[in-house]
Amino acid sequence: MTTEDDIARVKRQEQDLVLPALNEAVAFEIGAAIRARALAEGLSLVVDIRTRDRQLFFSATPGTSADNAEWVRRKINSVRRFQRASYRLVLERGEGPFPPQSGADPADFVIAGGGFPLRVPGAGIVGALTISGLPGRKDHGVAVDALCDHLGRDRADFALQD
């Protein structure tokens, strides 16, 4: 697959993986499923699910550090500001810091996969599901898999090719 194919796939993920609602129960269900997968597969990751104004779920598995929570914070800021999955930013701009003219201070924003915008019908983006601990494409994939599972969608229909 080309980068353009990956961008189109991520745009489709963002458009189609829409939650009917986002509240504490939904966040817990999705977050707990990600944590269970991480423990079963031995994945070291942090998962954060939040609305615009508060954190609804947070978990860290063995092997993570405070750095992962910091990466999550910066990915969330990038999702909020640019209104797209942080991995789409990687595909569109390449990894590395935002250019100075963007005004996106590297202390607060990062171009790295793992932040996914959470949409609700009629409201647009209301929050973010963010993963940190794996390579960016895999962080993104864990988020997408969890949303597919929660929504009863086939993971294969939304997965990026390896």
N, C-alpha and C. Protein backbone atom coordinates (compact mmCIF):
# COMPACT_ATOMS: atom_id res chain seq x y z
N MET A 1 0.84 -1.20 0.00
CA MET A 1 0.00 0.00 0.00
C MET A 1 0.87 1.25 0.00
N THR A 2 0.37 2.28 -0.63
CA THR A 2 1.09 3.54 -0.65
C THR A 2 0.68 4.40 0.53
N THR A 3 1.42 5.46 0.74
CA THR A 3 1.05 6.41 1.79
C THR A 3 -0.33 6.98 1.53
N GLU A 4 -0.64 7.25 0.28
CA GLU A 4 -1.96 7.79 -0.07
C GLU A 4 -3.07 6.80 0.29
N ASP A 5 -2.80 5.50 0.06
CA ASP A 5 -3.77 4.46 0.43
C ASP A 5 -3.98 4.45 1.95
N ASP A 6 -2.86 4.55 2.70
CA ASP A 6 -2.96 4.58 4.17
C ASP A 6 -3.74 5.79 4.65
N ILE A 7 -3.49 6.95 4.05
CA ILE A 7 -4.23 8.17 4.44
C ILE A 7 -5.72 7.97 4.18
N ALA A 8 -6.06 7.43 3.02
CA ALA A 8 -7.47 7.18 2.71
C ALA A 8 -8.09 6.21 3.71
N ARG A 9 -7.34 5.18 4.10
CA ARG A 9 -7.86 4.20 5.07
C ARG A 9 -8.07 4.87 6.43
N VAL A 10 -7.13 5.69 6.86
CA VAL A 10 -7.28 6.36 8.16
C VAL A 10 -8.46 7.32 8.12
N LYS A 11 -8.63 8.04 7.04
CA LYS A 11 -9.80 8.92 6.91
C LYS A 11 -11.10 8.12 7.02
N ARG A 12 -11.11 6.94 6.40
CA ARG A 12 -12.30 6.07 6.50
C ARG A 12 -12.51 5.61 7.93
N GLN A 13 -11.45 5.25 8.63
CA GLN A 13 -11.55 4.86 10.03
C GLN A 13 -12.18 6.01 10.83
N GLU A 14 -11.66 7.21 10.63
CA GLU A 14 -12.16 8.37 11.37
C GLU A 14 -13.64 8.63 11.06
N GLN A 15 -14.03 8.45 9.82
CA GLN A 15 -15.41 8.71 9.40
C GLN A 15 -16.38 7.64 9.88
N ASP A 16 -15.95 6.37 9.84
CA ASP A 16 -16.88 5.26 10.08
C ASP A 16 -16.88 4.72 11.52
N LEU A 17 -15.80 4.89 12.25
CA LEU A 17 -15.74 4.35 13.61
C LEU A 17 -16.25 5.41 14.58
N VAL A 18 -17.55 5.61 14.54
CA VAL A 18 -18.25 6.63 15.31
C VAL A 18 -19.02 5.95 16.44
N LEU A 19 -18.84 6.45 17.64
CA LEU A 19 -19.54 5.89 18.80
C LEU A 19 -20.95 6.44 18.89
N PRO A 20 -21.93 5.62 19.26
CA PRO A 20 -23.28 6.15 19.48
C PRO A 20 -23.30 7.17 20.61
N ALA A 21 -22.43 6.97 21.61
CA ALA A 21 -22.32 7.87 22.75
C ALA A 21 -20.94 7.69 23.37
N LEU A 22 -20.49 8.70 24.08
CA LEU A 22 -19.25 8.58 24.85
C LEU A 22 -19.56 9.03 26.27
N ASN A 23 -19.45 8.09 27.20
CA ASN A 23 -19.65 8.39 28.61
C ASN A 23 -18.72 7.49 29.41
N GLU A 24 -18.84 7.53 30.72
CA GLU A 24 -17.95 6.76 31.59
C GLU A 24 -18.03 5.26 31.32
N ALA A 25 -19.23 4.75 31.11
CA ALA A 25 -19.40 3.31 30.89
C ALA A 25 -18.76 2.87 29.57
N VAL A 26 -18.95 3.65 28.52
CA VAL A 26 -18.35 3.32 27.21
C VAL A 26 -16.84 3.38 27.31
N ALA A 27 -16.31 4.43 27.94
CA ALA A 27 -14.86 4.57 28.09
C ALA A 27 -14.28 3.40 28.88
N PHE A 28 -14.97 3.00 29.94
CA PHE A 28 -14.48 1.88 30.74
C PHE A 28 -14.48 0.59 29.93
N GLU A 29 -15.54 0.35 29.19
CA GLU A 29 -15.63 -0.87 28.39
C GLU A 29 -14.50 -0.95 27.36
N ILE A 30 -14.30 0.13 26.63
CA ILE A 30 -13.24 0.16 25.61
C ILE A 30 -11.87 0.08 26.27
N GLY A 31 -11.65 0.89 27.30
CA GLY A 31 -10.35 0.91 27.97
C GLY A 31 -10.00 -0.41 28.63
N ALA A 32 -10.97 -1.02 29.29
CA ALA A 32 -10.73 -2.31 29.94
C ALA A 32 -10.40 -3.39 28.91
N ALA A 33 -11.05 -3.34 27.74
CA ALA A 33 -10.76 -4.31 26.69
C ALA A 33 -9.33 -4.13 26.16
N ILE A 34 -8.91 -2.89 26.02
CA ILE A 34 -7.53 -2.63 25.57
C ILE A 34 -6.55 -3.12 26.62
N ARG A 35 -6.83 -2.84 27.88
CA ARG A 35 -5.94 -3.30 28.95
C ARG A 35 -5.86 -4.83 28.97
N ALA A 36 -7.00 -5.50 28.85
CA ALA A 36 -7.01 -6.97 28.85
C ALA A 36 -6.20 -7.52 27.68
N ARG A 37 -6.34 -6.92 26.52
CA ARG A 37 -5.55 -7.34 25.36
C ARG A 37 -4.06 -7.14 25.63
N ALA A 38 -3.71 -5.97 26.16
CA ALA A 38 -2.29 -5.68 26.44
C ALA A 38 -1.71 -6.70 27.40
N LEU A 39 -2.44 -7.03 28.45
CA LEU A 39 -1.94 -8.01 29.43
C LEU A 39 -1.83 -9.40 28.80
N ALA A 40 -2.82 -9.79 28.02
CA ALA A 40 -2.81 -11.11 27.39
C ALA A 40 -1.68 -11.26 26.37
N GLU A 41 -1.37 -10.16 25.67
CA GLU A 41 -0.35 -10.21 24.62
C GLU A 41 1.01 -9.71 25.09
N GLY A 42 1.10 -9.31 26.36
CA GLY A 42 2.36 -8.80 26.88
C GLY A 42 2.77 -7.47 26.29
N LEU A 43 1.80 -6.62 25.98
CA LEU A 43 2.08 -5.30 25.40
C LEU A 43 2.25 -4.28 26.51
N SER A 44 3.33 -3.52 26.45
CA SER A 44 3.53 -2.42 27.40
C SER A 44 2.93 -1.17 26.77
N LEU A 45 1.82 -0.74 27.34
CA LEU A 45 1.19 0.46 26.80
C LEU A 45 0.36 1.19 27.84
N VAL A 46 0.13 2.43 27.54
CA VAL A 46 -0.76 3.29 28.30
C VAL A 46 -1.97 3.54 27.42
N VAL A 47 -3.16 3.51 28.01
CA VAL A 47 -4.38 3.87 27.29
C VAL A 47 -5.08 4.98 28.06
N ASP A 48 -5.53 5.97 27.33
CA ASP A 48 -6.23 7.12 27.89
C ASP A 48 -7.45 7.39 27.03
N ILE A 49 -8.61 7.53 27.66
CA ILE A 49 -9.84 7.88 26.95
C ILE A 49 -10.42 9.09 27.67
N ARG A 50 -10.74 10.12 26.88
CA ARG A 50 -11.22 11.35 27.50
C ARG A 50 -12.17 12.11 26.59
N THR A 51 -12.95 12.95 27.23
CA THR A 51 -13.74 13.93 26.50
C THR A 51 -12.88 15.19 26.42
N ARG A 52 -13.43 16.24 25.91
CA ARG A 52 -12.66 17.49 25.80
C ARG A 52 -12.26 18.03 27.17
N ASP A 53 -13.07 17.77 28.19
CA ASP A 53 -12.79 18.42 29.47
C ASP A 53 -12.36 17.49 30.60
N ARG A 54 -12.36 16.16 30.38
CA ARG A 54 -11.92 15.30 31.47
C ARG A 54 -11.57 13.89 31.02
N GLN A 55 -10.70 13.30 31.81
CA GLN A 55 -10.27 11.93 31.57
C GLN A 55 -11.34 10.98 32.10
N LEU A 56 -11.72 9.98 31.27
CA LEU A 56 -12.71 9.00 31.66
C LEU A 56 -12.08 7.65 32.00
N PHE A 57 -10.92 7.35 31.39
CA PHE A 57 -10.25 6.08 31.62
C PHE A 57 -8.75 6.26 31.41
N PHE A 58 -7.97 5.65 32.30
CA PHE A 58 -6.51 5.63 32.16
C PHE A 58 -6.00 4.32 32.73
N SER A 59 -5.07 3.70 32.01
CA SER A 59 -4.44 2.49 32.51
C SER A 59 -3.04 2.40 31.92
N ALA A 60 -2.13 1.87 32.73
CA ALA A 60 -0.76 1.60 32.28
C ALA A 60 -0.44 0.16 32.61
N THR A 61 0.15 -0.55 31.66
CA THR A 61 0.54 -1.93 31.89
C THR A 61 2.03 -1.98 32.21
N PRO A 62 2.49 -3.10 32.75
CA PRO A 62 3.91 -3.22 33.11
C PRO A 62 4.83 -2.89 31.93
N GLY A 63 5.92 -2.20 32.25
CA GLY A 63 6.89 -1.83 31.24
C GLY A 63 6.74 -0.42 30.72
N THR A 64 5.71 0.28 31.17
CA THR A 64 5.53 1.67 30.76
C THR A 64 6.17 2.59 31.78
N SER A 65 6.23 3.86 31.44
CA SER A 65 6.82 4.85 32.35
C SER A 65 6.04 6.15 32.25
N ALA A 66 6.46 7.12 33.03
CA ALA A 66 5.85 8.44 32.98
C ALA A 66 5.98 9.05 31.59
N ASP A 67 7.00 8.66 30.85
CA ASP A 67 7.17 9.16 29.49
C ASP A 67 5.97 8.81 28.61
N ASN A 68 5.41 7.62 28.80
CA ASN A 68 4.25 7.23 27.99
C ASN A 68 3.05 8.15 28.24
N ALA A 69 2.83 8.50 29.49
CA ALA A 69 1.73 9.42 29.81
C ALA A 69 1.99 10.79 29.18
N GLU A 70 3.23 11.20 29.12
CA GLU A 70 3.58 12.48 28.49
C GLU A 70 3.34 12.42 26.98
N TRP A 71 3.71 11.30 26.35
CA TRP A 71 3.43 11.13 24.93
C TRP A 71 1.92 11.18 24.68
N VAL A 72 1.14 10.53 25.55
CA VAL A 72 -0.31 10.56 25.43
C VAL A 72 -0.82 12.00 25.47
N ARG A 73 -0.35 12.78 26.41
CA ARG A 73 -0.79 14.18 26.54
C ARG A 73 -0.54 14.95 25.24
N ARG A 74 0.64 14.78 24.68
CA ARG A 74 1.00 15.51 23.46
C ARG A 74 0.20 15.00 22.25
N LYS A 75 -0.07 13.69 22.18
CA LYS A 75 -0.88 13.14 21.09
C LYS A 75 -2.31 13.68 21.19
N ILE A 76 -2.85 13.71 22.40
CA ILE A 76 -4.21 14.24 22.60
C ILE A 76 -4.29 15.68 22.11
N ASN A 77 -3.30 16.49 22.46
CA ASN A 77 -3.29 17.88 22.02
C ASN A 77 -3.28 17.97 20.49
N SER A 78 -2.52 17.09 19.84
CA SER A 78 -2.46 17.09 18.38
C SER A 78 -3.80 16.69 17.77
N VAL A 79 -4.45 15.68 18.34
CA VAL A 79 -5.77 15.27 17.86
C VAL A 79 -6.76 16.43 17.99
N ARG A 80 -6.77 17.07 19.14
CA ARG A 80 -7.71 18.19 19.37
C ARG A 80 -7.47 19.33 18.38
N ARG A 81 -6.22 19.71 18.25
CA ARG A 81 -5.91 20.87 17.42
C ARG A 81 -6.14 20.63 15.94
N PHE A 82 -5.70 19.45 15.45
CA PHE A 82 -5.75 19.20 14.02
C PHE A 82 -6.96 18.36 13.60
N GLN A 83 -7.78 17.93 14.58
CA GLN A 83 -9.06 17.27 14.30
C GLN A 83 -8.90 16.02 13.43
N ARG A 84 -7.88 15.22 13.75
CA ARG A 84 -7.64 13.99 13.02
C ARG A 84 -6.79 13.06 13.85
N ALA A 85 -6.73 11.80 13.41
CA ALA A 85 -5.88 10.83 14.09
C ALA A 85 -4.43 11.30 14.02
N SER A 86 -3.72 11.11 15.11
CA SER A 86 -2.32 11.55 15.11
C SER A 86 -1.48 10.74 14.12
N TYR A 87 -1.88 9.52 13.81
CA TYR A 87 -1.14 8.76 12.81
C TYR A 87 -1.36 9.33 11.41
N ARG A 88 -2.51 9.91 11.16
CA ARG A 88 -2.72 10.58 9.87
C ARG A 88 -1.76 11.75 9.73
N LEU A 89 -1.48 12.44 10.83
CA LEU A 89 -0.48 13.52 10.79
C LEU A 89 0.88 12.96 10.39
N VAL A 90 1.24 11.79 10.92
CA VAL A 90 2.51 11.14 10.54
C VAL A 90 2.53 10.89 9.03
N LEU A 91 1.44 10.33 8.51
CA LEU A 91 1.38 10.00 7.09
C LEU A 91 1.41 11.26 6.22
N GLU A 92 0.77 12.32 6.67
CA GLU A 92 0.68 13.55 5.89
C GLU A 92 1.94 14.41 5.99
N ARG A 93 2.59 14.41 7.16
CA ARG A 93 3.69 15.35 7.40
C ARG A 93 5.04 14.68 7.63
N GLY A 94 5.02 13.40 7.97
CA GLY A 94 6.24 12.72 8.37
C GLY A 94 6.47 12.91 9.86
N GLU A 95 7.20 11.98 10.47
CA GLU A 95 7.46 12.09 11.90
C GLU A 95 8.45 13.21 12.16
N GLY A 96 8.41 13.72 13.36
CA GLY A 96 9.28 14.82 13.75
C GLY A 96 8.45 15.94 14.32
N PRO A 97 9.09 17.00 14.73
CA PRO A 97 8.33 18.11 15.32
C PRO A 97 7.55 18.89 14.26
N PHE A 98 6.53 19.57 14.70
CA PHE A 98 5.81 20.48 13.82
C PHE A 98 6.75 21.63 13.47
N PRO A 99 6.60 22.20 12.28
CA PRO A 99 7.44 23.35 11.94
C PRO A 99 7.09 24.54 12.84
N PRO A 100 8.08 25.40 13.12
CA PRO A 100 7.84 26.53 14.02
C PRO A 100 6.65 27.41 13.60
N GLN A 101 6.45 27.59 12.30
CA GLN A 101 5.36 28.46 11.84
C GLN A 101 3.98 27.89 12.15
N SER A 102 3.89 26.61 12.52
CA SER A 102 2.59 26.01 12.87
C SER A 102 2.10 26.51 14.22
N GLY A 103 3.03 26.96 15.05
CA GLY A 103 2.65 27.38 16.40
C GLY A 103 2.39 26.22 17.34
N ALA A 104 2.67 25.00 16.90
CA ALA A 104 2.46 23.81 17.72
C ALA A 104 3.78 23.48 18.43
N ASP A 105 3.92 23.97 19.63
CA ASP A 105 5.14 23.80 20.42
C ASP A 105 5.40 22.32 20.67
N PRO A 106 6.61 21.82 20.35
CA PRO A 106 6.93 20.40 20.58
C PRO A 106 6.79 19.96 22.04
N ALA A 107 6.79 20.90 22.96
CA ALA A 107 6.57 20.54 24.36
C ALA A 107 5.13 20.11 24.61
N ASP A 108 4.23 20.53 23.71
CA ASP A 108 2.81 20.24 23.90
C ASP A 108 2.15 19.45 22.78
N PHE A 109 2.81 19.31 21.64
CA PHE A 109 2.24 18.64 20.48
C PHE A 109 3.27 17.69 19.90
N VAL A 110 2.80 16.58 19.32
CA VAL A 110 3.71 15.62 18.72
C VAL A 110 3.05 15.01 17.49
N ILE A 111 3.89 14.71 16.49
CA ILE A 111 3.43 13.96 15.33
C ILE A 111 3.87 12.53 15.57
N ALA A 112 2.94 11.71 16.05
CA ALA A 112 3.21 10.31 16.37
C ALA A 112 1.88 9.57 16.42
N GLY A 113 1.86 8.35 15.96
CA GLY A 113 0.62 7.58 15.94
C GLY A 113 0.15 7.17 17.31
N GLY A 114 -1.16 7.01 17.44
CA GLY A 114 -1.74 6.51 18.68
C GLY A 114 -2.90 7.32 19.22
N GLY A 115 -3.08 8.54 18.75
CA GLY A 115 -4.22 9.36 19.17
C GLY A 115 -5.33 9.25 18.14
N PHE A 116 -6.53 8.90 18.58
CA PHE A 116 -7.65 8.73 17.65
C PHE A 116 -8.83 9.57 18.10
N PRO A 117 -9.39 10.40 17.21
CA PRO A 117 -10.53 11.23 17.58
C PRO A 117 -11.79 10.39 17.78
N LEU A 118 -12.51 10.66 18.85
CA LEU A 118 -13.77 9.97 19.12
C LEU A 118 -14.92 10.88 18.71
N ARG A 119 -15.72 10.36 17.80
CA ARG A 119 -16.86 11.11 17.27
C ARG A 119 -18.16 10.49 17.75
N VAL A 120 -19.15 11.36 17.88
CA VAL A 120 -20.51 10.96 18.23
C VAL A 120 -21.43 11.64 17.21
N PRO A 121 -22.43 10.91 16.67
CA PRO A 121 -23.32 11.52 15.68
C PRO A 121 -23.93 12.82 16.19
N GLY A 122 -23.95 13.81 15.33
CA GLY A 122 -24.55 15.09 15.65
C GLY A 122 -23.69 16.00 16.51
N ALA A 123 -22.56 15.48 17.02
CA ALA A 123 -21.71 16.30 17.88
C ALA A 123 -20.29 16.44 17.34
N GLY A 124 -19.90 15.59 16.41
CA GLY A 124 -18.54 15.63 15.90
C GLY A 124 -17.55 15.03 16.88
N ILE A 125 -16.34 15.54 16.87
CA ILE A 125 -15.30 15.02 17.75
C ILE A 125 -15.57 15.50 19.18
N VAL A 126 -15.73 14.53 20.08
CA VAL A 126 -16.03 14.86 21.47
C VAL A 126 -14.93 14.42 22.43
N GLY A 127 -13.93 13.71 21.90
CA GLY A 127 -12.87 13.23 22.78
C GLY A 127 -11.80 12.51 21.99
N ALA A 128 -10.97 11.77 22.72
CA ALA A 128 -9.86 11.04 22.08
C ALA A 128 -9.60 9.74 22.82
N LEU A 129 -9.23 8.74 22.05
CA LEU A 129 -8.70 7.47 22.56
C LEU A 129 -7.23 7.48 22.19
N THR A 130 -6.36 7.36 23.18
CA THR A 130 -4.93 7.49 22.90
C THR A 130 -4.16 6.35 23.52
N ILE A 131 -3.23 5.81 22.72
CA ILE A 131 -2.37 4.71 23.11
C ILE A 131 -0.92 5.17 23.00
N SER A 132 -0.07 4.75 23.93
CA SER A 132 1.36 5.00 23.84
C SER A 132 2.11 3.80 24.40
N GLY A 133 3.20 3.45 23.75
CA GLY A 133 4.05 2.37 24.24
C GLY A 133 4.59 1.48 23.14
N LEU A 134 3.90 1.45 22.01
CA LEU A 134 4.31 0.65 20.87
C LEU A 134 4.76 1.60 19.76
N PRO A 135 5.32 1.09 18.68
CA PRO A 135 5.57 1.98 17.53
C PRO A 135 4.25 2.63 17.11
N GLY A 136 4.32 3.83 16.57
CA GLY A 136 3.13 4.63 16.28
C GLY A 136 2.07 3.95 15.46
N ARG A 137 2.46 3.22 14.43
CA ARG A 137 1.47 2.52 13.59
C ARG A 137 0.74 1.46 14.40
N LYS A 138 1.47 0.79 15.29
CA LYS A 138 0.85 -0.23 16.14
C LYS A 138 -0.03 0.41 17.22
N ASP A 139 0.41 1.52 17.81
CA ASP A 139 -0.45 2.26 18.76
C ASP A 139 -1.78 2.58 18.08
N HIS A 140 -1.70 3.10 16.86
CA HIS A 140 -2.90 3.44 16.09
C HIS A 140 -3.76 2.20 15.87
N GLY A 141 -3.12 1.10 15.50
CA GLY A 141 -3.85 -0.14 15.24
C GLY A 141 -4.59 -0.67 16.46
N VAL A 142 -3.98 -0.55 17.65
CA VAL A 142 -4.65 -0.99 18.88
C VAL A 142 -5.92 -0.17 19.10
N ALA A 143 -5.83 1.13 18.89
CA ALA A 143 -7.02 1.99 19.06
C ALA A 143 -8.11 1.61 18.06
N VAL A 144 -7.74 1.43 16.81
CA VAL A 144 -8.72 1.08 15.77
C VAL A 144 -9.35 -0.28 16.06
N ASP A 145 -8.52 -1.25 16.42
CA ASP A 145 -9.06 -2.59 16.76
C ASP A 145 -10.09 -2.49 17.88
N ALA A 146 -9.78 -1.71 18.91
CA ALA A 146 -10.69 -1.59 20.06
C ALA A 146 -12.02 -0.96 19.64
N LEU A 147 -11.95 0.05 18.80
CA LEU A 147 -13.19 0.68 18.34
C LEU A 147 -13.99 -0.29 17.46
N CYS A 148 -13.30 -1.03 16.60
CA CYS A 148 -14.00 -2.03 15.78
C CYS A 148 -14.71 -3.05 16.67
N ASP A 149 -13.98 -3.56 17.66
CA ASP A 149 -14.56 -4.55 18.56
C ASP A 149 -15.78 -3.98 19.28
N HIS A 150 -15.65 -2.77 19.79
CA HIS A 150 -16.75 -2.14 20.53
C HIS A 150 -17.99 -1.93 19.64
N LEU A 151 -17.74 -1.57 18.39
CA LEU A 151 -18.83 -1.26 17.47
C LEU A 151 -19.33 -2.49 16.70
N GLY A 152 -18.69 -3.65 16.92
CA GLY A 152 -19.09 -4.86 16.21
C GLY A 152 -18.70 -4.84 14.74
N ARG A 153 -17.64 -4.13 14.42
CA ARG A 153 -17.14 -4.04 13.05
C ARG A 153 -15.98 -5.02 12.87
N ASP A 154 -15.78 -5.49 11.68
CA ASP A 154 -14.71 -6.42 11.37
C ASP A 154 -13.38 -5.66 11.33
N ARG A 155 -12.43 -6.06 12.17
CA ARG A 155 -11.12 -5.39 12.22
C ARG A 155 -10.46 -5.35 10.84
N ALA A 156 -10.59 -6.44 10.09
CA ALA A 156 -9.92 -6.54 8.79
C ALA A 156 -10.39 -5.47 7.82
N ASP A 157 -11.63 -5.02 7.97
CA ASP A 157 -12.17 -3.99 7.08
C ASP A 157 -11.53 -2.63 7.32
N PHE A 158 -10.91 -2.45 8.48
CA PHE A 158 -10.36 -1.15 8.84
C PHE A 158 -8.85 -1.15 9.07
N ALA A 159 -8.24 -2.32 9.13
CA ALA A 159 -6.82 -2.41 9.47
C ALA A 159 -5.93 -1.86 8.37
N LEU A 160 -4.84 -1.23 8.77
CA LEU A 160 -3.80 -0.84 7.85
C LEU A 160 -2.98 -2.08 7.51
N GLN A 161 -2.50 -2.16 6.29
CA GLN A 161 -1.68 -3.30 5.89
C GLN A 161 -0.31 -3.20 6.53
N ASP A 162 0.27 -4.34 6.87
CA ASP A 162 1.63 -4.34 7.44
C ASP A 162 2.67 -4.14 6.38
